[in-house]
Amino acid sequence: MKRAIIIGATSGIGEEVAKLLIQQGWHIGIAGRREEALEKLQATAPGQIEIQRLDVTDSDAPTLLETLIRKLGGMDLFFLSSGIGSQNPDLKPEIELNTARTNVEGFTRMVTAAFNHFKTQGGGHIAVISSIAGTKGLGIVPAYSATKRFQNTYIEALAQLSRMQHLNIHFTDIRPGFVATDLLKSGKFPMLMQANQVAKSIVHALNRKKRVIVIDGRYRVVVFFWRMIPRWLWERLPIKN
């Protein structure tokens, strides 16, 4: 029996990935801040789903994660889909700090908890939703793009640490382009993808234990050219939403 824990399963990509894993026969533990949404998803497959209300910004989140793991009877895959982001060209400090609180502090809290669990267990798979926004600093979303770069680098570092310590822990860094979720409800974005289609690509990558995946092909082209743009030119580009 394959068992996955999904953090941030109350909506968007996390919820869609949960649904697909259930279809594939996984037993899953889902966690998020909205207990009502968790219960609603659990009702669709009560024999396969355990739930736990959890906020990644709270200090007790790792303890609650362990509680959910015990309810599920173990964990083979840890999937983190909890994140926030807002356009902030006016650079309001509260927006930047709240973004960092979830995408850096909360991210680190949960990923280290999963890493240490798998280290004790003898192996496992850690997968996270980051973003193509981590490729370059985007002026309209400073904290969001910076925190996504942090996530890319942190997973890279943990992958190296796992090898240094001879651990059997696999990592998947999932970097979508713009996805039609609540995260992007504050603006208009090009090449918008649907969460259910993105989830299919994610589950395919998870089953293959791919190390890094950019979703989709159009955004792989975008990222390729972004990386070629020199800093002096990038900082002069009038990038808008």
Protein backbone atom coordinates (compact mmCIF):
# COMPACT_ATOMS: atom_id res chain seq x y z
CA MET A 1 0.00 0.00 0.00
CA LYS A 2 1.37 3.41 -1.02
CA ARG A 3 0.82 6.25 1.43
CA ALA A 4 1.16 9.99 0.77
CA ILE A 5 0.82 13.07 2.94
CA ILE A 6 -0.36 16.18 1.10
CA ILE A 7 0.01 19.55 2.81
CA GLY A 8 -2.20 22.21 1.23
CA ALA A 9 -4.89 19.87 -0.09
CA THR A 10 -7.89 22.11 0.55
CA SER A 11 -7.85 23.70 -2.93
CA GLY A 12 -5.96 24.14 -6.17
CA ILE A 13 -3.08 21.92 -7.22
CA GLY A 14 -2.87 20.06 -3.90
CA GLU A 15 -6.51 19.05 -4.05
CA GLU A 16 -6.25 17.91 -7.67
CA VAL A 17 -3.13 15.85 -6.97
CA ALA A 18 -4.91 14.24 -4.02
CA LYS A 19 -7.82 13.21 -6.26
CA LEU A 20 -5.50 11.62 -8.82
CA LEU A 21 -3.51 9.70 -6.22
CA ILE A 22 -6.76 8.35 -4.79
CA GLN A 23 -7.73 7.14 -8.26
CA GLN A 24 -4.38 5.34 -8.46
CA GLY A 25 -5.10 3.52 -5.21
CA TRP A 26 -2.94 5.54 -2.84
CA HIS A 27 -3.96 6.02 0.78
CA ILE A 28 -3.46 9.67 1.60
CA GLY A 29 -3.36 11.99 4.56
CA ILE A 30 -4.46 15.51 3.71
CA ALA A 31 -3.76 18.62 5.71
CA GLY A 32 -4.61 22.30 5.48
CA ARG A 33 -6.08 25.21 7.37
CA ARG A 34 -9.73 24.71 6.34
CA GLU A 35 -11.08 21.66 8.13
CA GLU A 36 -14.43 21.82 6.33
CA ALA A 37 -12.69 21.50 2.96
CA LEU A 38 -10.64 18.56 4.26
CA GLU A 39 -13.79 16.79 5.45
CA LYS A 40 -15.47 17.38 2.10
CA LEU A 41 -12.60 15.72 0.24
CA GLN A 42 -12.44 12.88 2.77
CA ALA A 43 -16.13 12.15 2.14
CA THR A 44 -15.31 11.26 -1.49
CA ALA A 45 -13.14 8.30 -0.42
CA PRO A 46 -13.39 7.78 3.36
CA GLY A 47 -11.57 4.47 3.25
CA GLN A 48 -8.50 6.04 1.66
CA ILE A 49 -8.23 9.47 3.30
CA GLU A 50 -7.17 10.67 6.74
CA ILE A 51 -7.34 14.37 7.61
CA GLN A 52 -5.59 16.82 9.92
CA ARG A 53 -6.07 20.55 10.30
CA LEU A 54 -2.61 22.11 10.08
CA ASP A 55 -1.12 25.56 9.43
CA VAL A 56 2.50 25.52 8.25
CA THR A 57 3.15 28.87 9.94
CA ASP A 58 2.37 27.42 13.39
CA SER A 59 5.17 26.00 15.51
CA ASP A 60 3.18 22.83 16.27
CA ALA A 61 2.83 21.89 12.58
CA PRO A 62 5.56 19.19 12.68
CA THR A 63 3.85 17.55 15.65
CA LEU A 64 0.53 17.57 13.80
CA LEU A 65 2.28 16.11 10.75
CA GLU A 66 3.46 13.18 12.86
CA THR A 67 -0.09 12.77 14.15
CA LEU A 68 -1.36 12.52 10.58
CA ILE A 69 1.38 10.04 9.67
CA ARG A 70 0.29 7.82 12.56
CA LYS A 71 -3.35 8.05 11.46
CA LEU A 72 -2.32 6.98 7.96
CA GLY A 73 -0.04 4.22 9.19
CA GLY A 74 3.11 5.61 7.58
CA MET A 75 4.35 7.90 4.83
CA ASP A 76 6.08 7.08 1.54
CA LEU A 77 5.54 10.45 -0.18
CA PHE A 78 5.50 13.91 1.37
CA PHE A 79 3.92 16.48 -0.97
CA LEU A 80 3.97 20.17 -0.02
CA SER A 81 1.57 22.40 -1.93
CA SER A 82 1.12 25.12 0.65
CA GLY A 83 2.16 28.59 -0.46
CA ILE A 84 1.00 32.16 -0.92
CA GLY A 85 1.88 35.03 -3.21
CA SER A 86 0.58 38.46 -4.18
CA GLN A 87 1.51 41.16 -6.64
CA ASN A 88 3.13 43.91 -4.61
CA PRO A 89 4.60 46.68 -6.80
CA ASP A 90 3.94 49.14 -3.94
CA LEU A 91 6.17 46.95 -1.75
CA LYS A 92 3.85 46.82 1.24
CA PRO A 93 5.91 45.25 4.04
CA GLU A 94 3.08 43.15 5.45
CA ILE A 95 2.61 41.39 2.09
CA GLU A 96 6.31 40.64 1.74
CA LEU A 97 6.64 39.39 5.31
CA ASN A 98 3.50 37.23 5.17
CA THR A 99 4.78 35.66 1.95
CA ALA A 100 8.12 34.88 3.56
CA ARG A 101 6.41 33.52 6.66
CA THR A 102 4.59 30.87 4.64
CA ASN A 103 6.95 30.23 1.73
CA VAL A 104 10.20 30.27 3.70
CA GLU A 105 9.49 29.70 7.38
CA GLY A 106 6.52 27.36 6.87
CA PHE A 107 8.21 25.60 3.96
CA THR A 108 11.38 24.99 5.96
CA ARG A 109 9.45 23.82 9.00
CA MET A 110 7.57 21.17 7.02
CA VAL A 111 10.33 20.00 4.70
CA THR A 112 12.80 19.53 7.55
CA ALA A 113 10.17 17.58 9.47
CA ALA A 114 9.62 15.31 6.45
CA PHE A 115 13.37 14.92 5.87
CA ASN A 116 14.00 13.89 9.47
CA HIS A 117 11.07 11.47 9.40
CA PHE A 118 12.38 9.77 6.27
CA LYS A 119 15.92 9.74 7.69
CA THR A 120 14.65 7.77 10.68
CA GLN A 121 12.40 5.61 8.51
CA GLY A 122 15.13 4.70 6.04
CA GLY A 123 13.89 6.50 2.94
CA GLY A 124 11.04 8.28 1.21
CA HIS A 125 10.10 10.88 -1.36
CA ILE A 126 9.80 14.65 -0.78
CA ALA A 127 8.02 16.69 -3.45
CA VAL A 128 7.30 20.41 -3.35
CA ILE A 129 5.45 22.93 -5.48
CA SER A 130 7.77 25.85 -6.17
CA SER A 131 7.44 27.94 -9.34
CA ILE A 132 9.16 29.18 -12.48
CA ALA A 133 9.11 32.52 -10.60
CA GLY A 134 12.22 31.30 -8.80
CA THR A 135 14.17 31.54 -12.05
CA LYS A 136 14.48 35.35 -11.98
CA GLY A 137 13.55 38.16 -9.63
CA LEU A 138 10.16 39.48 -10.81
CA GLY A 139 9.57 43.11 -9.88
CA ILE A 140 5.79 42.81 -9.49
CA VAL A 141 6.15 39.90 -7.03
CA PRO A 142 9.43 40.47 -5.15
CA ALA A 143 8.84 38.24 -2.13
CA TYR A 144 7.11 35.52 -4.12
CA SER A 145 9.92 35.13 -6.65
CA ALA A 146 12.59 35.35 -3.93
CA THR A 147 10.91 32.74 -1.75
CA LYS A 148 10.53 30.39 -4.71
CA ARG A 149 14.25 30.73 -5.45
CA PHE A 150 14.83 29.86 -1.78
CA GLN A 151 12.73 26.73 -2.19
CA ASN A 152 14.61 25.64 -5.32
CA THR A 153 17.95 26.07 -3.57
CA TYR A 154 16.82 24.47 -0.32
CA ILE A 155 15.66 21.29 -2.04
CA GLU A 156 18.91 21.20 -4.01
CA ALA A 157 20.85 21.46 -0.75
CA LEU A 158 18.79 18.72 0.91
CA ALA A 159 19.31 16.45 -2.09
CA GLN A 160 23.05 16.87 -1.66
CA LEU A 161 22.78 16.38 2.11
CA SER A 162 20.84 13.17 1.56
CA ARG A 163 23.63 11.80 -0.63
CA MET A 164 26.30 12.95 1.83
CA GLN A 165 24.53 11.01 4.58
CA HIS A 166 23.80 8.02 2.30
CA LEU A 167 20.05 8.34 2.75
CA ASN A 168 17.47 6.87 0.41
CA ILE A 169 15.43 10.08 0.08
CA HIS A 170 14.23 11.22 -3.36
CA PHE A 171 13.32 14.82 -4.19
CA THR A 172 11.03 16.38 -6.79
CA ASP A 173 10.97 20.15 -7.31
CA ILE A 174 7.83 21.00 -9.29
CA ARG A 175 7.94 24.38 -11.05
CA PRO A 176 4.65 25.31 -12.71
CA GLY A 177 3.98 28.40 -14.76
CA PHE A 178 0.80 30.39 -14.17
CA VAL A 179 -2.02 28.17 -12.88
CA ALA A 180 -5.69 29.16 -12.49
CA THR A 181 -5.93 28.91 -8.70
CA ASP A 182 -6.81 31.29 -5.85
CA LEU A 183 -3.13 32.27 -5.78
CA LEU A 184 -3.51 34.22 -9.03
CA LYS A 185 -6.97 35.65 -8.51
CA SER A 186 -5.58 39.18 -8.08
CA GLY A 187 -4.45 39.71 -11.67
CA LYS A 188 -4.52 38.71 -15.33
CA PHE A 189 -1.83 36.29 -16.45
CA PRO A 190 -0.82 34.88 -19.86
CA MET A 191 -0.74 31.18 -20.75
CA LEU A 192 -2.90 30.30 -17.75
CA MET A 193 -3.10 26.55 -17.07
CA GLN A 194 -5.86 24.61 -15.35
CA ALA A 195 -5.05 22.95 -12.02
CA ASN A 196 -6.42 19.53 -13.04
CA GLN A 197 -4.19 19.38 -16.11
CA VAL A 198 -1.16 20.51 -14.12
CA ALA A 199 -1.91 17.82 -11.54
CA LYS A 200 -1.75 15.11 -14.22
CA SER A 201 1.76 16.22 -15.17
CA ILE A 202 2.75 16.32 -11.51
CA VAL A 203 1.52 12.81 -10.72
CA HIS A 204 3.33 11.50 -13.81
CA ALA A 205 6.53 13.12 -12.55
CA LEU A 206 6.00 11.76 -9.03
CA ASN A 207 5.54 8.22 -10.29
CA ARG A 208 8.84 8.56 -12.20
CA LYS A 209 10.54 10.32 -9.25
CA LYS A 210 11.75 13.12 -11.51
CA ARG A 211 14.14 15.50 -9.78
CA VAL A 212 12.94 18.78 -11.37
CA ILE A 213 9.94 19.40 -13.62
CA VAL A 214 8.82 22.64 -15.27
CA ILE A 215 5.14 22.61 -16.28
CA ASP A 216 4.32 22.85 -19.13
CA GLY A 217 6.25 22.81 -22.47
CA ARG A 218 5.54 26.49 -23.12
CA TYR A 219 7.01 27.44 -19.77
CA ARG A 220 10.07 25.26 -20.35
CA VAL A 221 10.76 27.48 -23.36
CA VAL A 222 10.12 30.61 -21.29
CA VAL A 223 12.52 29.49 -18.56
CA PHE A 224 15.17 28.57 -21.14
CA PHE A 225 15.17 32.09 -22.56
CA TRP A 226 14.83 33.79 -19.17
CA ARG A 227 18.07 32.16 -18.08
CA MET A 228 19.86 33.52 -21.15
CA ILE A 229 18.94 37.15 -20.43
CA PRO A 230 21.85 39.01 -18.79
CA ARG A 231 21.20 40.83 -15.53
CA TRP A 232 21.67 44.31 -16.96
CA LEU A 233 18.97 43.66 -19.55
CA TRP A 234 16.60 41.80 -17.23
CA GLU A 235 16.52 44.71 -14.79
CA ARG A 236 15.42 47.01 -17.61
CA LEU A 237 12.57 44.84 -18.92
CA PRO A 238 9.08 46.30 -18.36
CA ILE A 239 7.55 43.06 -17.05
CA LYS A 240 3.87 43.45 -16.14
CA ASN A 241 1.02 41.17 -15.11
